[in-house]
């Protein structure tokens, strides 16, 4: 009958992590290179998935506590649980991978600049 507080706390994190990556890296807000445009689009998709995390999870679980059982039906069952965890982990992993790819691109960019100056 009540909505678990953990749902809202987790939802805030699901939105905050990719949003902090987006607002923390200026090149993702205003990309000037092709790779950064791709990363910007990717992080925007992850932000949208973070915003839609509760509605999608509710559709998968059939409840706001996101508890699943051994039902034979999809909603609330084991297959829905697998999609729930893929969505939940995907938001976090996608955000972290975006940062890592961006940092690696900076390393290659720096090495390319150094090689051109030598």
N, C-alpha and C. Protein backbone atom coordinates (compact mmCIF):
# COMPACT_ATOMS: atom_id res chain seq x y z
N UNK A 1 0.80 -1.20 0.00
CA UNK A 1 0.00 0.00 0.00
C UNK A 1 0.84 1.26 0.00
N UNK A 2 2.11 1.13 0.34
CA UNK A 2 2.99 2.30 0.36
C UNK A 2 4.16 2.08 -0.59
N UNK A 3 4.74 3.17 -1.01
CA UNK A 3 5.88 3.11 -1.92
C UNK A 3 7.16 3.09 -1.08
N UNK A 4 8.02 2.10 -1.29
CA UNK A 4 9.25 2.02 -0.51
C UNK A 4 10.16 3.22 -0.77
N UNK A 5 10.73 3.77 0.29
CA UNK A 5 11.63 4.92 0.17
C UNK A 5 12.87 4.56 -0.65
N UNK A 6 13.31 3.33 -0.57
CA UNK A 6 14.48 2.89 -1.34
C UNK A 6 14.28 3.02 -2.84
N UNK A 7 13.05 2.90 -3.29
CA UNK A 7 12.76 3.05 -4.71
C UNK A 7 13.11 4.46 -5.17
N UNK A 8 12.69 5.46 -4.40
CA UNK A 8 12.98 6.84 -4.78
C UNK A 8 14.47 7.18 -4.64
N UNK A 9 15.11 6.63 -3.62
CA UNK A 9 16.54 6.89 -3.43
C UNK A 9 17.33 6.28 -4.58
N UNK A 10 17.00 5.06 -4.95
CA UNK A 10 17.68 4.40 -6.07
C UNK A 10 17.40 5.13 -7.37
N UNK A 11 16.16 5.57 -7.55
CA UNK A 11 15.78 6.30 -8.76
C UNK A 11 16.59 7.58 -8.87
N UNK A 12 16.77 8.29 -7.76
CA UNK A 12 17.58 9.51 -7.77
C UNK A 12 19.01 9.19 -8.21
N UNK A 13 19.55 8.07 -7.75
CA UNK A 13 20.89 7.66 -8.16
C UNK A 13 20.96 7.27 -9.62
N UNK A 14 19.91 6.61 -10.11
CA UNK A 14 19.87 6.19 -11.51
C UNK A 14 19.83 7.39 -12.46
N UNK A 15 19.30 8.50 -11.97
CA UNK A 15 19.28 9.72 -12.76
C UNK A 15 20.55 10.53 -12.53
N UNK A 16 21.01 10.58 -11.28
CA UNK A 16 22.14 11.44 -10.92
C UNK A 16 23.46 10.99 -11.53
N UNK A 17 23.70 9.69 -11.60
CA UNK A 17 24.99 9.22 -12.12
C UNK A 17 25.21 9.63 -13.58
N UNK A 18 24.32 9.27 -14.50
CA UNK A 18 24.56 9.70 -15.88
C UNK A 18 24.46 11.22 -16.07
N UNK A 19 23.60 11.87 -15.27
CA UNK A 19 23.47 13.32 -15.38
C UNK A 19 24.73 14.02 -14.92
N UNK A 20 25.40 13.48 -13.89
CA UNK A 20 26.65 14.08 -13.42
C UNK A 20 27.76 13.90 -14.46
N UNK A 21 27.75 12.79 -15.17
CA UNK A 21 28.72 12.60 -16.26
C UNK A 21 28.45 13.63 -17.35
N UNK A 22 27.18 13.81 -17.71
CA UNK A 22 26.81 14.75 -18.76
C UNK A 22 27.18 16.19 -18.39
N UNK A 23 26.84 16.60 -17.17
CA UNK A 23 27.13 17.97 -16.75
C UNK A 23 28.59 18.16 -16.34
N UNK A 24 29.27 17.07 -16.02
CA UNK A 24 30.66 17.17 -15.59
C UNK A 24 31.66 17.27 -16.72
N UNK A 25 31.28 16.84 -17.90
CA UNK A 25 32.20 16.87 -19.05
C UNK A 25 31.60 17.80 -20.10
N UNK A 26 32.20 18.96 -20.26
CA UNK A 26 31.67 19.97 -21.17
C UNK A 26 31.59 19.45 -22.61
N UNK A 27 32.54 18.62 -22.98
CA UNK A 27 32.60 18.11 -24.35
C UNK A 27 31.42 17.19 -24.66
N UNK A 28 30.75 16.66 -23.63
CA UNK A 28 29.56 15.86 -23.86
C UNK A 28 28.32 16.73 -24.02
N UNK A 29 28.36 17.92 -23.46
CA UNK A 29 27.23 18.85 -23.63
C UNK A 29 27.31 19.56 -24.98
N UNK A 30 28.51 19.94 -25.38
CA UNK A 30 28.72 20.62 -26.66
C UNK A 30 29.86 19.92 -27.41
N UNK A 31 29.57 18.76 -27.99
CA UNK A 31 30.65 17.99 -28.63
C UNK A 31 31.17 18.65 -29.90
N UNK A 32 32.50 18.55 -30.06
CA UNK A 32 33.12 19.12 -31.26
C UNK A 32 33.74 18.04 -32.15
N UNK A 33 33.89 16.85 -31.62
CA UNK A 33 34.47 15.75 -32.40
C UNK A 33 33.45 14.63 -32.55
N UNK A 34 33.68 13.78 -33.55
CA UNK A 34 32.73 12.71 -33.86
C UNK A 34 32.55 11.75 -32.68
N UNK A 35 33.64 11.31 -32.06
CA UNK A 35 33.54 10.38 -30.94
C UNK A 35 32.75 11.00 -29.79
N UNK A 36 32.99 12.27 -29.53
CA UNK A 36 32.28 12.94 -28.44
C UNK A 36 30.79 13.12 -28.76
N UNK A 37 30.44 13.27 -30.03
CA UNK A 37 29.02 13.32 -30.41
C UNK A 37 28.36 11.97 -30.15
N UNK A 38 29.07 10.89 -30.44
CA UNK A 38 28.55 9.55 -30.18
C UNK A 38 28.38 9.34 -28.67
N UNK A 39 29.41 9.70 -27.90
CA UNK A 39 29.34 9.56 -26.45
C UNK A 39 28.23 10.43 -25.86
N UNK A 40 28.04 11.62 -26.42
CA UNK A 40 26.99 12.51 -25.95
C UNK A 40 25.61 11.89 -26.19
N UNK A 41 25.41 11.34 -27.36
CA UNK A 41 24.15 10.67 -27.66
C UNK A 41 23.93 9.46 -26.75
N UNK A 42 25.00 8.71 -26.50
CA UNK A 42 24.92 7.53 -25.64
C UNK A 42 24.53 7.92 -24.22
N UNK A 43 25.16 8.95 -23.67
CA UNK A 43 24.86 9.35 -22.29
C UNK A 43 23.45 9.95 -22.19
N UNK A 44 22.98 10.60 -23.26
CA UNK A 44 21.60 11.11 -23.25
C UNK A 44 20.60 9.97 -23.21
N UNK A 45 20.88 8.89 -23.93
CA UNK A 45 20.01 7.71 -23.89
C UNK A 45 20.01 7.11 -22.49
N UNK A 46 21.18 7.07 -21.86
CA UNK A 46 21.27 6.53 -20.51
C UNK A 46 20.51 7.41 -19.51
N UNK A 47 20.58 8.73 -19.69
CA UNK A 47 19.82 9.64 -18.82
C UNK A 47 18.33 9.37 -18.98
N UNK A 48 17.86 9.21 -20.21
CA UNK A 48 16.44 8.92 -20.45
C UNK A 48 16.05 7.60 -19.80
N UNK A 49 16.91 6.58 -19.91
CA UNK A 49 16.63 5.30 -19.27
C UNK A 49 16.60 5.46 -17.75
N UNK A 50 17.46 6.32 -17.21
CA UNK A 50 17.45 6.58 -15.77
C UNK A 50 16.15 7.23 -15.33
N UNK A 51 15.67 8.18 -16.12
CA UNK A 51 14.40 8.84 -15.81
C UNK A 51 13.24 7.85 -15.90
N UNK A 52 13.30 6.96 -16.87
CA UNK A 52 12.22 5.98 -17.07
C UNK A 52 12.41 4.71 -16.25
N UNK A 53 13.42 4.68 -15.39
CA UNK A 53 13.72 3.46 -14.63
C UNK A 53 12.55 2.98 -13.79
N UNK A 54 11.89 3.87 -13.06
CA UNK A 54 10.75 3.44 -12.22
C UNK A 54 9.58 2.97 -13.07
N UNK A 55 9.15 3.74 -14.09
CA UNK A 55 8.02 3.23 -14.89
C UNK A 55 8.32 1.89 -15.57
N UNK A 56 9.51 1.74 -16.12
CA UNK A 56 9.86 0.48 -16.78
C UNK A 56 9.92 -0.65 -15.76
N UNK A 57 10.55 -0.38 -14.62
CA UNK A 57 10.67 -1.41 -13.58
C UNK A 57 9.30 -1.80 -13.03
N UNK A 58 8.41 -0.83 -12.91
CA UNK A 58 7.05 -1.13 -12.45
C UNK A 58 6.34 -2.05 -13.45
N UNK A 59 6.52 -1.76 -14.73
CA UNK A 59 5.90 -2.62 -15.75
C UNK A 59 6.49 -4.03 -15.71
N UNK A 60 7.78 -4.13 -15.40
CA UNK A 60 8.41 -5.45 -15.34
C UNK A 60 7.98 -6.22 -14.09
N UNK A 61 7.96 -5.54 -12.93
CA UNK A 61 7.68 -6.23 -11.66
C UNK A 61 6.20 -6.31 -11.34
N UNK A 62 5.46 -5.30 -11.73
CA UNK A 62 4.06 -5.25 -11.37
C UNK A 62 3.82 -4.66 -9.99
N UNK A 63 4.90 -4.17 -9.35
CA UNK A 63 4.78 -3.53 -8.04
C UNK A 63 5.93 -2.53 -7.90
N UNK A 64 5.78 -1.61 -6.94
CA UNK A 64 6.81 -0.57 -6.77
C UNK A 64 7.94 -0.98 -5.83
N UNK A 65 7.85 -2.16 -5.23
CA UNK A 65 8.97 -2.64 -4.43
C UNK A 65 9.92 -3.47 -5.31
N UNK A 66 9.53 -3.66 -6.56
CA UNK A 66 10.32 -4.38 -7.56
C UNK A 66 10.72 -5.78 -7.07
N UNK A 67 9.74 -6.47 -6.52
CA UNK A 67 9.98 -7.85 -6.10
C UNK A 67 9.42 -8.80 -7.17
N UNK A 68 10.17 -9.84 -7.41
CA UNK A 68 9.83 -10.81 -8.44
C UNK A 68 9.62 -12.17 -7.79
N UNK A 69 8.90 -13.05 -8.48
CA UNK A 69 8.64 -14.38 -7.94
C UNK A 69 8.84 -15.42 -9.03
N UNK A 70 8.41 -16.62 -8.75
CA UNK A 70 8.56 -17.73 -9.69
C UNK A 70 7.35 -17.89 -10.60
N UNK A 71 6.69 -16.78 -10.91
CA UNK A 71 5.50 -16.83 -11.76
C UNK A 71 5.84 -17.33 -13.16
N UNK A 72 4.85 -17.92 -13.79
CA UNK A 72 5.01 -18.36 -15.17
C UNK A 72 4.82 -17.21 -16.16
N UNK A 73 4.10 -16.16 -15.72
CA UNK A 73 3.87 -15.01 -16.59
C UNK A 73 5.12 -14.15 -16.64
N UNK A 74 5.19 -13.29 -17.65
CA UNK A 74 6.37 -12.44 -17.78
C UNK A 74 6.44 -11.41 -16.66
N UNK A 75 5.36 -10.62 -16.47
CA UNK A 75 5.38 -9.57 -15.46
C UNK A 75 5.49 -10.18 -14.07
N UNK A 76 6.53 -9.78 -13.35
CA UNK A 76 6.77 -10.29 -12.01
C UNK A 76 7.50 -11.61 -11.97
N UNK A 77 7.79 -12.19 -13.12
CA UNK A 77 8.46 -13.48 -13.19
C UNK A 77 9.97 -13.35 -13.35
N UNK A 78 10.60 -14.48 -13.56
CA UNK A 78 12.05 -14.54 -13.65
C UNK A 78 12.61 -13.86 -14.90
N UNK A 79 11.91 -13.97 -16.03
CA UNK A 79 12.39 -13.30 -17.24
C UNK A 79 12.34 -11.79 -17.08
N UNK A 80 11.28 -11.29 -16.46
CA UNK A 80 11.17 -9.85 -16.20
C UNK A 80 12.26 -9.40 -15.23
N UNK A 81 12.59 -10.26 -14.26
CA UNK A 81 13.64 -9.92 -13.31
C UNK A 81 14.99 -9.77 -14.02
N UNK A 82 15.25 -10.64 -14.97
CA UNK A 82 16.51 -10.54 -15.73
C UNK A 82 16.56 -9.20 -16.47
N UNK A 83 15.47 -8.77 -17.08
CA UNK A 83 15.43 -7.48 -17.79
C UNK A 83 15.57 -6.32 -16.81
N UNK A 84 14.99 -6.46 -15.62
CA UNK A 84 15.12 -5.43 -14.58
C UNK A 84 16.59 -5.24 -14.21
N UNK A 85 17.30 -6.34 -13.98
CA UNK A 85 18.71 -6.23 -13.60
C UNK A 85 19.58 -5.74 -14.76
N UNK A 86 19.24 -6.12 -15.97
CA UNK A 86 19.98 -5.60 -17.14
C UNK A 86 19.82 -4.09 -17.24
N UNK A 87 18.60 -3.61 -17.04
CA UNK A 87 18.34 -2.17 -17.08
C UNK A 87 19.09 -1.46 -15.96
N UNK A 88 18.99 -1.99 -14.75
CA UNK A 88 19.60 -1.35 -13.59
C UNK A 88 21.12 -1.30 -13.71
N UNK A 89 21.73 -2.44 -14.03
CA UNK A 89 23.18 -2.46 -14.20
C UNK A 89 23.62 -1.68 -15.44
N UNK A 90 22.81 -1.72 -16.48
CA UNK A 90 23.16 -1.04 -17.73
C UNK A 90 23.30 0.46 -17.56
N UNK A 91 22.46 1.07 -16.72
CA UNK A 91 22.54 2.51 -16.49
C UNK A 91 23.86 2.86 -15.83
N UNK A 92 24.23 2.12 -14.79
CA UNK A 92 25.49 2.39 -14.10
C UNK A 92 26.71 2.08 -14.93
N UNK A 93 26.72 0.92 -15.54
CA UNK A 93 27.87 0.51 -16.36
C UNK A 93 28.01 1.40 -17.59
N UNK A 94 26.88 1.76 -18.20
CA UNK A 94 26.94 2.65 -19.37
C UNK A 94 27.52 4.01 -19.03
N UNK A 95 27.17 4.54 -17.86
CA UNK A 95 27.71 5.83 -17.43
C UNK A 95 29.21 5.74 -17.21
N UNK A 96 29.64 4.69 -16.53
CA UNK A 96 31.07 4.52 -16.24
C UNK A 96 31.85 4.27 -17.52
N UNK A 97 31.30 3.47 -18.43
CA UNK A 97 31.99 3.22 -19.71
C UNK A 97 32.13 4.50 -20.53
N UNK A 98 31.14 5.37 -20.46
CA UNK A 98 31.22 6.65 -21.17
C UNK A 98 32.41 7.46 -20.66
N UNK A 99 32.57 7.52 -19.34
CA UNK A 99 33.70 8.25 -18.76
C UNK A 99 35.02 7.62 -19.19
N UNK A 100 35.11 6.30 -19.13
CA UNK A 100 36.36 5.61 -19.48
C UNK A 100 36.72 5.84 -20.93
N UNK A 101 35.75 5.71 -21.84
CA UNK A 101 36.04 5.93 -23.26
C UNK A 101 36.47 7.38 -23.50
N UNK A 102 35.81 8.32 -22.82
CA UNK A 102 36.19 9.73 -22.96
C UNK A 102 37.61 9.95 -22.46
N UNK A 103 37.96 9.38 -21.31
CA UNK A 103 39.32 9.55 -20.77
C UNK A 103 40.37 8.92 -21.70
N UNK A 104 40.05 7.75 -22.24
CA UNK A 104 40.99 7.11 -23.17
C UNK A 104 41.17 7.97 -24.41
N UNK A 105 40.09 8.58 -24.89
CA UNK A 105 40.21 9.46 -26.06
C UNK A 105 41.08 10.67 -25.74
N UNK A 106 41.02 11.15 -24.51
CA UNK A 106 41.89 12.27 -24.11
C UNK A 106 43.35 11.86 -24.11
N UNK A 107 43.63 10.64 -23.67
CA UNK A 107 45.02 10.14 -23.66
C UNK A 107 45.55 10.07 -25.08
N UNK A 108 44.76 9.50 -26.00
CA UNK A 108 45.20 9.41 -27.39
C UNK A 108 45.33 10.79 -28.02
N UNK A 109 44.46 11.69 -27.67
CA UNK A 109 44.53 13.05 -28.19
C UNK A 109 45.80 13.74 -27.69
N UNK A 110 46.12 13.54 -26.42
CA UNK A 110 47.32 14.13 -25.84
C UNK A 110 48.58 13.54 -26.48
N UNK A 111 48.60 12.21 -26.68
CA UNK A 111 49.74 11.57 -27.32
C UNK A 111 49.89 12.03 -28.76
N UNK A 112 48.80 12.24 -29.46
CA UNK A 112 48.84 12.72 -30.84
C UNK A 112 49.39 14.14 -30.90
N UNK A 113 49.00 14.97 -29.94
CA UNK A 113 49.50 16.36 -29.87
C UNK A 113 50.99 16.37 -29.57
N UNK A 114 51.44 15.53 -28.65
CA UNK A 114 52.86 15.45 -28.30
C UNK A 114 53.68 14.96 -29.48
N UNK A 115 53.17 13.95 -30.19
CA UNK A 115 53.88 13.40 -31.35
C UNK A 115 53.99 14.44 -32.47
N UNK A 116 52.99 15.27 -32.64
CA UNK A 116 53.03 16.30 -33.69
C UNK A 116 53.98 17.42 -33.33
N UNK A 117 54.20 17.68 -32.06
CA UNK A 117 55.08 18.76 -31.63
C UNK A 117 56.55 18.34 -31.63
N UNK A 118 56.83 17.05 -31.69
CA UNK A 118 58.22 16.57 -31.64
C UNK A 118 58.88 16.63 -32.97
